[in-house]
Amino acid sequence: MKIEMRMMASILSFLIILSTTACQTNEDSENIQGQSVSKHTIISQMNAETAEKAAERVERVDKAQAVSLEKDIYIHLNVEGFDRFFLKEIRSQTKKEVEDAVKGSKVQVSTDKKIEMEITELKERLKDHQITKKKLEEEIKKIEEDMKA
């Protein structure tokens, strides 16, 4: 009978230790998940917002979307209808306007739909704080390469 009691006590102790360890593991994983979210710092897009407003002041630009990393600004322009015949001139004029609005900036301008999609997606991730600065640098490097192609 003492052996059965010791066996039951051992099993009970084992179950208590097991459940305590399992709870701690869940708490740890929640902390890790919380930390991964908090590692995503807020990356200022003030230069991009200023660039969008400056670009939209250009007469033939219907809409502009931009992302920025420090003084580098990547901007997409929506130009519709007959104005598309003047894309080179519109890009040049917009680049000058944005450089005047954000002094000391390096501006890249595109009217390519693929660039629009990439910038839109990146802006959404920045807005939701779902991207790290390192990942932003990688994404912007990809956008820059796509703009050159």
C-alpha atoms as a PDB file:
ATOM      1  CA  MET A   1       0.000   0.000   0.000  1.00  0.00           C
ATOM      2  CA  LYS A   2       2.879   2.379   0.794  1.00  0.00           C
ATOM      3  CA  ILE A   3       4.380   1.574  -2.573  1.00  0.00           C
ATOM      4  CA  GLU A   4       1.129   2.467  -4.346  1.00  0.00           C
ATOM      5  CA  MET A   5       0.920   5.741  -2.390  1.00  0.00           C
ATOM      6  CA  ARG A   6       4.518   6.598  -3.284  1.00  0.00           C
ATOM      7  CA  MET A   7       3.833   5.694  -6.914  1.00  0.00           C
ATOM      8  CA  MET A   8       0.718   7.923  -6.954  1.00  0.00           C
ATOM      9  CA  ALA A   9       2.644  10.750  -5.255  1.00  0.00           C
ATOM     10  CA  SER A  10       5.439  10.426  -7.834  1.00  0.00           C
ATOM     11  CA  ILE A  11       2.995  10.466 -10.733  1.00  0.00           C
ATOM     12  CA  LEU A  12       1.144  13.425  -9.253  1.00  0.00           C
ATOM     13  CA  SER A  13       4.424  15.311  -8.725  1.00  0.00           C
ATOM     14  CA  PHE A  14       5.469  14.546 -12.278  1.00  0.00           C
ATOM     15  CA  LEU A  15       2.161  15.848 -13.662  1.00  0.00           C
ATOM     16  CA  ILE A  16       2.396  19.041 -11.613  1.00  0.00           C
ATOM     17  CA  ILE A  17       5.942  19.685 -12.817  1.00  0.00           C
ATOM     18  CA  LEU A  18       4.928  18.914 -16.389  1.00  0.00           C
ATOM     19  CA  SER A  19       1.948  21.286 -16.303  1.00  0.00           C
ATOM     20  CA  THR A  20       4.013  24.055 -14.690  1.00  0.00           C
ATOM     21  CA  THR A  21       6.707  23.700 -17.326  1.00  0.00           C
ATOM     22  CA  ALA A  22       4.109  23.742 -20.116  1.00  0.00           C
ATOM     23  CA  CYS A  23       2.594  26.968 -18.758  1.00  0.00           C
ATOM     24  CA  GLN A  24       5.997  28.624 -18.564  1.00  0.00           C
ATOM     25  CA  THR A  25       6.746  27.602 -22.143  1.00  0.00           C
ATOM     26  CA  ASN A  26       3.511  29.219 -23.349  1.00  0.00           C
ATOM     27  CA  GLU A  27       4.274  32.398 -21.439  1.00  0.00           C
ATOM     28  CA  ASP A  28       7.795  32.472 -22.864  1.00  0.00           C
ATOM     29  CA  SER A  29       6.531  32.056 -26.414  1.00  0.00           C
ATOM     30  CA  GLU A  30       4.004  34.844 -25.864  1.00  0.00           C
ATOM     31  CA  ASN A  31       6.831  37.079 -24.620  1.00  0.00           C
ATOM     32  CA  ILE A  32       8.945  36.182 -27.627  1.00  0.00           C
ATOM     33  CA  GLN A  33       6.062  36.998 -29.962  1.00  0.00           C
ATOM     34  CA  GLY A  34       5.489  40.273 -28.145  1.00  0.00           C
ATOM     35  CA  GLN A  35       9.161  41.121 -28.436  1.00  0.00           C
ATOM     36  CA  SER A  36       9.235  40.399 -32.160  1.00  0.00           C
ATOM     37  CA  VAL A  37       6.442  42.900 -32.668  1.00  0.00           C
ATOM     38  CA  SER A  38       8.153  45.489 -30.491  1.00  0.00           C
ATOM     39  CA  LYS A  39      11.408  45.127 -32.457  1.00  0.00           C
ATOM     40  CA  HIS A  40       9.642  46.688 -35.452  1.00  0.00           C
ATOM     41  CA  THR A  41      10.456  50.305 -34.885  1.00  0.00           C
ATOM     42  CA  ILE A  42       8.456  53.158 -36.281  1.00  0.00           C
ATOM     43  CA  ILE A  43      10.251  54.335 -39.396  1.00  0.00           C
ATOM     44  CA  SER A  44       9.466  57.930 -40.255  1.00  0.00           C
ATOM     45  CA  GLN A  45       7.879  58.502 -43.625  1.00  0.00           C
ATOM     46  CA  MET A  46       7.662  62.283 -43.323  1.00  0.00           C
ATOM     47  CA  ASN A  47       9.934  62.779 -46.343  1.00  0.00           C
ATOM     48  CA  ALA A  48       7.741  60.408 -48.372  1.00  0.00           C
ATOM     49  CA  GLU A  49       4.584  62.253 -47.348  1.00  0.00           C
ATOM     50  CA  THR A  50       6.141  65.596 -48.261  1.00  0.00           C
ATOM     51  CA  ALA A  51       7.270  64.126 -51.588  1.00  0.00           C
ATOM     52  CA  GLU A  52       3.758  62.845 -52.349  1.00  0.00           C
ATOM     53  CA  LYS A  53       2.252  66.287 -51.718  1.00  0.00           C
ATOM     54  CA  ALA A  54       4.909  67.991 -53.856  1.00  0.00           C
ATOM     55  CA  ALA A  55       4.412  65.487 -56.684  1.00  0.00           C
ATOM     56  CA  GLU A  56       0.646  65.864 -56.631  1.00  0.00           C
ATOM     57  CA  ARG A  57       1.072  69.611 -57.122  1.00  0.00           C
ATOM     58  CA  VAL A  58       2.511  68.862 -60.572  1.00  0.00           C
ATOM     59  CA  GLU A  59      -0.339  69.542 -62.985  1.00  0.00           C
ATOM     60  CA  ARG A  60      -0.381  66.240 -64.899  1.00  0.00           C
ATOM     61  CA  VAL A  61       0.124  63.933 -61.897  1.00  0.00           C
ATOM     62  CA  ASP A  62      -3.141  62.367 -60.723  1.00  0.00           C
ATOM     63  CA  LYS A  63      -1.734  60.583 -57.674  1.00  0.00           C
ATOM     64  CA  ALA A  64       1.659  59.946 -56.129  1.00  0.00           C
ATOM     65  CA  GLN A  65       2.844  57.287 -53.702  1.00  0.00           C
ATOM     66  CA  ALA A  66       6.241  57.348 -52.059  1.00  0.00           C
ATOM     67  CA  VAL A  67       8.398  55.568 -49.519  1.00  0.00           C
ATOM     68  CA  SER A  68      11.568  56.902 -47.994  1.00  0.00           C
ATOM     69  CA  LEU A  69      14.566  55.762 -46.066  1.00  0.00           C
ATOM     70  CA  GLU A  70      16.407  58.692 -44.548  1.00  0.00           C
ATOM     71  CA  LYS A  71      17.058  61.069 -47.494  1.00  0.00           C
ATOM     72  CA  ASP A  72      16.326  58.509 -50.259  1.00  0.00           C
ATOM     73  CA  ILE A  73      12.829  58.878 -51.706  1.00  0.00           C
ATOM     74  CA  TYR A  74      11.216  56.461 -54.150  1.00  0.00           C
ATOM     75  CA  ILE A  75       8.041  57.720 -55.732  1.00  0.00           C
ATOM     76  CA  HIS A  76       5.478  56.360 -58.156  1.00  0.00           C
ATOM     77  CA  LEU A  77       3.290  58.641 -60.235  1.00  0.00           C
ATOM     78  CA  ASN A  78      -0.146  57.863 -61.635  1.00  0.00           C
ATOM     79  CA  VAL A  79      -0.532  59.675 -64.906  1.00  0.00           C
ATOM     80  CA  GLU A  80      -3.691  59.031 -66.922  1.00  0.00           C
ATOM     81  CA  GLY A  81      -4.918  59.548 -70.471  1.00  0.00           C
ATOM     82  CA  PHE A  82      -3.289  61.902 -72.922  1.00  0.00           C
ATOM     83  CA  ASP A  83      -0.740  63.012 -70.317  1.00  0.00           C
ATOM     84  CA  ARG A  84       1.004  59.622 -70.642  1.00  0.00           C
ATOM     85  CA  PHE A  85       2.568  60.924 -73.879  1.00  0.00           C
ATOM     86  CA  PHE A  86       4.616  63.302 -71.728  1.00  0.00           C
ATOM     87  CA  LEU A  87       5.894  60.851 -69.080  1.00  0.00           C
ATOM     88  CA  LYS A  88       9.572  61.773 -69.409  1.00  0.00           C
ATOM     89  CA  GLU A  89       8.797  65.471 -68.930  1.00  0.00           C
ATOM     90  CA  ILE A  90       6.403  64.750 -66.049  1.00  0.00           C
ATOM     91  CA  ARG A  91       8.951  62.545 -64.251  1.00  0.00           C
ATOM     92  CA  SER A  92      11.640  65.203 -64.661  1.00  0.00           C
ATOM     93  CA  GLN A  93       9.398  68.021 -63.435  1.00  0.00           C
ATOM     94  CA  THR A  94       8.185  65.940 -60.481  1.00  0.00           C
ATOM     95  CA  LYS A  95      11.724  64.992 -59.487  1.00  0.00           C
ATOM     96  CA  LYS A  96      12.692  68.680 -59.422  1.00  0.00           C
ATOM     97  CA  GLU A  97       9.593  69.594 -57.360  1.00  0.00           C
ATOM     98  CA  VAL A  98      10.280  66.841 -54.811  1.00  0.00           C
ATOM     99  CA  GLU A  99      13.980  67.737 -54.533  1.00  0.00           C
ATOM    100  CA  ASP A 100      12.963  71.344 -53.859  1.00  0.00           C
ATOM    101  CA  ALA A 101      10.409  70.252 -51.244  1.00  0.00           C
ATOM    102  CA  VAL A 102      12.770  67.850 -49.442  1.00  0.00           C
ATOM    103  CA  LYS A 103      16.183  69.500 -49.485  1.00  0.00           C
ATOM    104  CA  GLY A 104      19.197  67.207 -49.786  1.00  0.00           C
ATOM    105  CA  SER A 105      17.133  64.238 -50.874  1.00  0.00           C
ATOM    106  CA  LYS A 106      17.942  61.641 -53.506  1.00  0.00           C
ATOM    107  CA  VAL A 107      14.756  61.134 -55.533  1.00  0.00           C
ATOM    108  CA  GLN A 108      13.846  58.262 -57.845  1.00  0.00           C
ATOM    109  CA  VAL A 109      10.639  58.648 -59.882  1.00  0.00           C
ATOM    110  CA  SER A 110       8.733  55.962 -61.766  1.00  0.00           C
ATOM    111  CA  THR A 111       5.455  55.552 -63.612  1.00  0.00           C
ATOM    112  CA  ASP A 112       5.746  51.761 -63.879  1.00  0.00           C
ATOM    113  CA  LYS A 113       2.758  49.759 -62.535  1.00  0.00           C
ATOM    114  CA  LYS A 114       5.042  47.140 -60.947  1.00  0.00           C
ATOM    115  CA  ILE A 115       6.744  49.873 -58.921  1.00  0.00           C
ATOM    116  CA  GLU A 116       3.323  51.177 -57.904  1.00  0.00           C
ATOM    117  CA  MET A 117       2.397  47.742 -56.557  1.00  0.00           C
ATOM    118  CA  GLU A 118       5.692  47.371 -54.655  1.00  0.00           C
ATOM    119  CA  ILE A 119       5.482  50.846 -53.117  1.00  0.00           C
ATOM    120  CA  THR A 120       1.822  50.395 -52.170  1.00  0.00           C
ATOM    121  CA  GLU A 121       2.564  47.099 -50.435  1.00  0.00           C
ATOM    122  CA  LEU A 122       5.599  48.531 -48.643  1.00  0.00           C
ATOM    123  CA  LYS A 123       3.629  51.596 -47.493  1.00  0.00           C
ATOM    124  CA  GLU A 124       0.954  49.321 -46.037  1.00  0.00           C
ATOM    125  CA  ARG A 125       3.539  47.302 -44.111  1.00  0.00           C
ATOM    126  CA  LEU A 126       5.141  50.509 -42.826  1.00  0.00           C
ATOM    127  CA  LYS A 127       1.765  51.834 -41.743  1.00  0.00           C
ATOM    128  CA  ASP A 128       1.038  48.628 -39.817  1.00  0.00           C
ATOM    129  CA  HIS A 129       4.581  48.589 -38.327  1.00  0.00           C
ATOM    130  CA  GLN A 130       5.188  45.125 -39.802  1.00  0.00           C
ATOM    131  CA  ILE A 131       8.686  45.753 -41.088  1.00  0.00           C
ATOM    132  CA  THR A 132      12.108  46.252 -39.571  1.00  0.00           C
ATOM    133  CA  LYS A 133      14.567  48.860 -40.760  1.00  0.00           C
ATOM    134  CA  LYS A 134      16.813  46.137 -42.186  1.00  0.00           C
ATOM    135  CA  LYS A 135      13.913  44.612 -44.134  1.00  0.00           C
ATOM    136  CA  LEU A 136      12.916  48.094 -45.339  1.00  0.00           C
ATOM    137  CA  GLU A 137      16.440  48.625 -46.651  1.00  0.00           C
ATOM    138  CA  GLU A 138      16.225  45.313 -48.549  1.00  0.00           C
ATOM    139  CA  GLU A 139      12.811  46.151 -50.006  1.00  0.00           C
ATOM    140  CA  ILE A 140      13.911  49.634 -51.064  1.00  0.00           C
ATOM    141  CA  LYS A 141      17.043  48.216 -52.673  1.00  0.00           C
ATOM    142  CA  LYS A 142      14.800  45.877 -54.704  1.00  0.00           C
ATOM    143  CA  ILE A 143      12.552  48.783 -55.726  1.00  0.00           C
ATOM    144  CA  GLU A 144      15.599  50.804 -56.759  1.00  0.00           C
ATOM    145  CA  GLU A 145      16.879  47.919 -58.903  1.00  0.00           C
ATOM    146  CA  ASP A 146      13.439  47.524 -60.496  1.00  0.00           C
ATOM    147  CA  MET A 147      13.332  51.250 -61.269  1.00  0.00           C
ATOM    148  CA  LYS A 148      16.667  51.012 -63.109  1.00  0.00           C
ATOM    149  CA  ALA A 149      15.519  48.052 -65.209  1.00  0.00           C
END
